[in-house]
Amino acid sequence: MRPRTVWEIDVPMKHRQDDSRTGVHVFTGLADNASEAVASAVRACEIARLHAMSSRPIPAGTSRVDWSARGLRPDWELCWDRAQKKQIVL
């Protein structure tokens, strides 16, 4: 079994009502490759949004390498097609 790598996925975002307001949401976690890392970040984001919509606390990872999506803003749109993928060297 290959060792897994820690990844950083930087996702540009923009405000839904004001395109001049932009930023980046950063996701980090373990994955075997860049595609798996993006899929894990998307999954963490979807889980966080479902929790927020049902007024439940957003789950937080139990370690530094668990994928989670804290600090999401409901009035901001994530631009997944422009996400940058970076391997983190520990």
N, C-alpha and C. Protein backbone atom coordinates (compact mmCIF):
# COMPACT_ATOMS: atom_id res chain seq x y z
N MET A 1 0.83 -1.18 0.00
CA MET A 1 0.00 0.00 0.00
C MET A 1 0.88 1.25 0.00
N ARG A 2 0.58 2.14 -0.92
CA ARG A 2 1.31 3.41 -1.02
C ARG A 2 0.97 4.34 0.13
N PRO A 3 1.94 5.08 0.63
CA PRO A 3 1.60 6.07 1.65
C PRO A 3 0.74 7.17 1.04
N ARG A 4 -0.21 7.67 1.82
CA ARG A 4 -1.07 8.74 1.34
C ARG A 4 -0.40 10.08 1.58
N THR A 5 -0.79 11.05 0.80
CA THR A 5 -0.19 12.37 0.83
C THR A 5 -1.20 13.37 1.38
N VAL A 6 -0.70 14.37 2.10
CA VAL A 6 -1.56 15.47 2.53
C VAL A 6 -1.66 16.46 1.36
N TRP A 7 -2.88 16.89 1.08
CA TRP A 7 -3.14 17.81 -0.02
C TRP A 7 -3.78 19.09 0.48
N GLU A 8 -3.53 20.16 -0.23
CA GLU A 8 -4.20 21.45 -0.02
C GLU A 8 -4.96 21.76 -1.30
N ILE A 9 -6.25 22.03 -1.15
CA ILE A 9 -7.08 22.41 -2.29
C ILE A 9 -7.55 23.84 -2.05
N ASP A 10 -7.08 24.76 -2.89
CA ASP A 10 -7.43 26.18 -2.78
C ASP A 10 -8.54 26.47 -3.80
N VAL A 11 -9.72 26.81 -3.30
CA VAL A 11 -10.88 26.99 -4.17
C VAL A 11 -11.27 28.48 -4.20
N PRO A 12 -11.12 29.12 -5.36
CA PRO A 12 -11.56 30.51 -5.47
C PRO A 12 -13.06 30.60 -5.18
N MET A 13 -13.46 31.73 -4.60
CA MET A 13 -14.88 31.93 -4.32
C MET A 13 -15.25 33.37 -4.59
N LYS A 14 -16.55 33.58 -4.82
CA LYS A 14 -17.05 34.94 -5.05
C LYS A 14 -18.40 35.08 -4.37
N HIS A 15 -18.71 36.31 -4.00
CA HIS A 15 -19.98 36.60 -3.35
C HIS A 15 -21.10 36.47 -4.39
N ARG A 16 -22.20 35.87 -4.02
CA ARG A 16 -23.30 35.63 -4.97
C ARG A 16 -23.95 36.92 -5.46
N GLN A 17 -23.93 37.98 -4.65
CA GLN A 17 -24.59 39.24 -5.02
C GLN A 17 -23.62 40.29 -5.54
N ASP A 18 -22.33 40.12 -5.27
CA ASP A 18 -21.35 41.15 -5.61
C ASP A 18 -20.07 40.48 -6.12
N ASP A 19 -19.93 40.38 -7.45
CA ASP A 19 -18.78 39.70 -8.06
C ASP A 19 -17.44 40.35 -7.72
N SER A 20 -17.46 41.59 -7.24
CA SER A 20 -16.19 42.24 -6.90
C SER A 20 -15.61 41.70 -5.59
N ARG A 21 -16.42 41.00 -4.81
CA ARG A 21 -15.95 40.40 -3.56
C ARG A 21 -15.52 38.97 -3.85
N THR A 22 -14.23 38.73 -3.70
CA THR A 22 -13.67 37.41 -4.01
C THR A 22 -12.78 36.93 -2.87
N GLY A 23 -12.43 35.67 -2.89
CA GLY A 23 -11.54 35.10 -1.89
C GLY A 23 -11.16 33.68 -2.26
N VAL A 24 -10.60 32.97 -1.30
CA VAL A 24 -10.20 31.58 -1.50
C VAL A 24 -10.56 30.80 -0.25
N HIS A 25 -11.19 29.64 -0.43
CA HIS A 25 -11.43 28.74 0.70
C HIS A 25 -10.42 27.61 0.58
N VAL A 26 -9.73 27.31 1.66
CA VAL A 26 -8.66 26.31 1.66
C VAL A 26 -9.14 25.05 2.38
N PHE A 27 -9.02 23.92 1.71
CA PHE A 27 -9.32 22.61 2.28
C PHE A 27 -8.01 21.84 2.36
N THR A 28 -7.82 21.03 3.39
CA THR A 28 -6.64 20.17 3.49
C THR A 28 -7.06 18.79 4.01
N GLY A 29 -6.28 17.78 3.63
CA GLY A 29 -6.55 16.44 4.11
C GLY A 29 -5.72 15.40 3.37
N LEU A 30 -5.90 14.15 3.77
CA LEU A 30 -5.18 13.03 3.15
C LEU A 30 -5.88 12.57 1.88
N ALA A 31 -5.10 12.20 0.88
CA ALA A 31 -5.63 11.61 -0.35
C ALA A 31 -4.50 10.90 -1.09
N ASP A 32 -4.87 9.96 -1.95
CA ASP A 32 -3.88 9.24 -2.74
C ASP A 32 -3.38 10.05 -3.93
N ASN A 33 -4.24 10.95 -4.44
CA ASN A 33 -3.87 11.74 -5.62
C ASN A 33 -4.72 13.02 -5.66
N ALA A 34 -4.44 13.87 -6.63
CA ALA A 34 -5.12 15.16 -6.72
C ALA A 34 -6.62 15.01 -6.95
N SER A 35 -7.02 14.07 -7.79
CA SER A 35 -8.45 13.86 -8.07
C SER A 35 -9.20 13.44 -6.82
N GLU A 36 -8.60 12.53 -6.06
CA GLU A 36 -9.23 12.09 -4.81
C GLU A 36 -9.28 13.24 -3.81
N ALA A 37 -8.26 14.08 -3.81
CA ALA A 37 -8.24 15.22 -2.89
C ALA A 37 -9.39 16.19 -3.19
N VAL A 38 -9.60 16.49 -4.46
CA VAL A 38 -10.70 17.38 -4.83
C VAL A 38 -12.04 16.74 -4.46
N ALA A 39 -12.19 15.47 -4.75
CA ALA A 39 -13.44 14.77 -4.41
C ALA A 39 -13.70 14.80 -2.91
N SER A 40 -12.66 14.65 -2.11
CA SER A 40 -12.80 14.69 -0.66
C SER A 40 -13.18 16.09 -0.18
N ALA A 41 -12.60 17.11 -0.80
CA ALA A 41 -12.93 18.49 -0.44
C ALA A 41 -14.39 18.80 -0.80
N VAL A 42 -14.82 18.36 -1.98
CA VAL A 42 -16.21 18.57 -2.40
C VAL A 42 -17.16 17.86 -1.43
N ARG A 43 -16.83 16.63 -1.07
CA ARG A 43 -17.67 15.86 -0.14
C ARG A 43 -17.75 16.56 1.22
N ALA A 44 -16.62 17.05 1.72
CA ALA A 44 -16.62 17.78 3.00
C ALA A 44 -17.49 19.03 2.92
N CYS A 45 -17.43 19.71 1.80
CA CYS A 45 -18.23 20.91 1.59
C CYS A 45 -19.72 20.57 1.55
N GLU A 46 -20.08 19.52 0.84
CA GLU A 46 -21.49 19.11 0.75
C GLU A 46 -22.04 18.71 2.12
N ILE A 47 -21.25 17.98 2.89
CA ILE A 47 -21.66 17.58 4.23
C ILE A 47 -21.86 18.81 5.11
N ALA A 48 -20.94 19.75 5.02
CA ALA A 48 -21.05 20.98 5.81
C ALA A 48 -22.30 21.76 5.44
N ARG A 49 -22.59 21.88 4.16
CA ARG A 49 -23.79 22.61 3.72
C ARG A 49 -25.07 21.93 4.21
N LEU A 50 -25.11 20.60 4.15
CA LEU A 50 -26.29 19.88 4.64
C LEU A 50 -26.50 20.12 6.13
N HIS A 51 -25.41 20.09 6.89
CA HIS A 51 -25.52 20.35 8.33
C HIS A 51 -25.99 21.78 8.58
N ALA A 52 -25.43 22.73 7.85
CA ALA A 52 -25.82 24.13 8.04
C ALA A 52 -27.29 24.35 7.69
N MET A 53 -27.76 23.72 6.61
CA MET A 53 -29.16 23.88 6.19
C MET A 53 -30.12 23.30 7.23
N SER A 54 -29.69 22.31 7.98
CA SER A 54 -30.55 21.71 9.00
C SER A 54 -30.23 22.24 10.40
N SER A 55 -29.50 23.35 10.46
CA SER A 55 -29.16 24.03 11.72
C SER A 55 -28.39 23.14 12.69
N ARG A 56 -27.59 22.24 12.14
CA ARG A 56 -26.72 21.40 12.97
C ARG A 56 -25.30 21.91 12.87
N PRO A 57 -24.47 21.66 13.88
CA PRO A 57 -23.07 22.10 13.81
C PRO A 57 -22.34 21.40 12.66
N ILE A 58 -21.47 22.13 12.00
CA ILE A 58 -20.67 21.56 10.92
C ILE A 58 -19.62 20.64 11.54
N PRO A 59 -19.51 19.40 11.05
CA PRO A 59 -18.53 18.47 11.62
C PRO A 59 -17.10 18.97 11.41
N ALA A 60 -16.29 18.77 12.42
CA ALA A 60 -14.86 19.12 12.33
C ALA A 60 -14.07 17.82 12.33
N GLY A 61 -12.98 17.81 11.60
CA GLY A 61 -12.11 16.65 11.59
C GLY A 61 -11.52 16.41 12.98
N THR A 62 -11.16 15.17 13.25
CA THR A 62 -10.59 14.85 14.55
C THR A 62 -9.07 14.92 14.55
N SER A 63 -8.48 15.12 13.38
CA SER A 63 -7.03 15.30 13.31
C SER A 63 -6.70 16.31 12.22
N ARG A 64 -5.45 16.69 12.12
CA ARG A 64 -5.03 17.70 11.13
C ARG A 64 -5.21 17.24 9.69
N VAL A 65 -5.35 15.96 9.47
CA VAL A 65 -5.41 15.45 8.10
C VAL A 65 -6.81 15.01 7.67
N ASP A 66 -7.81 15.19 8.54
CA ASP A 66 -9.19 14.88 8.17
C ASP A 66 -9.77 16.03 7.35
N TRP A 67 -10.54 15.70 6.34
CA TRP A 67 -11.19 16.72 5.52
C TRP A 67 -12.40 17.26 6.27
N SER A 68 -12.53 18.56 6.33
CA SER A 68 -13.73 19.20 6.88
C SER A 68 -13.87 20.56 6.22
N ALA A 69 -14.99 21.20 6.45
CA ALA A 69 -15.27 22.47 5.77
C ALA A 69 -15.81 23.48 6.78
N ARG A 70 -14.95 23.94 7.64
CA ARG A 70 -15.35 24.95 8.62
C ARG A 70 -15.30 26.32 7.98
N GLY A 71 -16.14 27.22 8.46
CA GLY A 71 -16.09 28.61 8.01
C GLY A 71 -16.70 28.87 6.65
N LEU A 72 -17.53 27.96 6.16
CA LEU A 72 -18.20 28.21 4.88
C LEU A 72 -19.18 29.37 5.02
N ARG A 73 -19.32 30.13 3.97
CA ARG A 73 -20.25 31.26 3.97
C ARG A 73 -21.36 30.95 2.97
N PRO A 74 -22.61 30.91 3.43
CA PRO A 74 -23.71 30.52 2.53
C PRO A 74 -23.94 31.47 1.37
N ASP A 75 -23.53 32.72 1.50
CA ASP A 75 -23.75 33.69 0.43
C ASP A 75 -22.57 33.79 -0.54
N TRP A 76 -21.65 32.83 -0.46
CA TRP A 76 -20.50 32.79 -1.35
C TRP A 76 -20.56 31.52 -2.19
N GLU A 77 -20.11 31.62 -3.43
CA GLU A 77 -20.09 30.49 -4.36
C GLU A 77 -18.65 30.02 -4.56
N LEU A 78 -18.43 28.72 -4.39
CA LEU A 78 -17.11 28.14 -4.62
C LEU A 78 -16.96 27.81 -6.10
N CYS A 79 -15.82 28.16 -6.68
CA CYS A 79 -15.53 27.93 -8.11
C CYS A 79 -14.62 26.71 -8.23
N TRP A 80 -15.21 25.52 -8.12
CA TRP A 80 -14.44 24.28 -8.09
C TRP A 80 -13.64 24.06 -9.37
N ASP A 81 -14.12 24.57 -10.49
CA ASP A 81 -13.41 24.37 -11.76
C ASP A 81 -12.08 25.11 -11.80
N ARG A 82 -11.86 26.04 -10.87
CA ARG A 82 -10.60 26.78 -10.81
C ARG A 82 -9.76 26.39 -9.59
N ALA A 83 -10.11 25.31 -8.94
CA ALA A 83 -9.39 24.87 -7.74
C ALA A 83 -7.94 24.53 -8.06
N GLN A 84 -7.04 24.95 -7.17
CA GLN A 84 -5.62 24.61 -7.31
C GLN A 84 -5.31 23.49 -6.33
N LYS A 85 -4.55 22.51 -6.80
CA LYS A 85 -4.20 21.35 -6.00
C LYS A 85 -2.71 21.39 -5.67
N LYS A 86 -2.39 21.25 -4.38
CA LYS A 86 -0.99 21.30 -3.96
C LYS A 86 -0.70 20.17 -2.99
N GLN A 87 0.39 19.47 -3.22
CA GLN A 87 0.85 18.48 -2.25
C GLN A 87 1.55 19.22 -1.12
N ILE A 88 1.29 18.77 0.11
CA ILE A 88 1.94 19.37 1.26
C ILE A 88 3.07 18.44 1.70
N VAL A 89 4.25 18.98 1.78
CA VAL A 89 5.41 18.20 2.21
C VAL A 89 5.59 18.42 3.70
N LEU A 90 5.54 17.34 4.46
CA LEU A 90 5.70 17.44 5.92
C LEU A 90 7.12 17.14 6.33
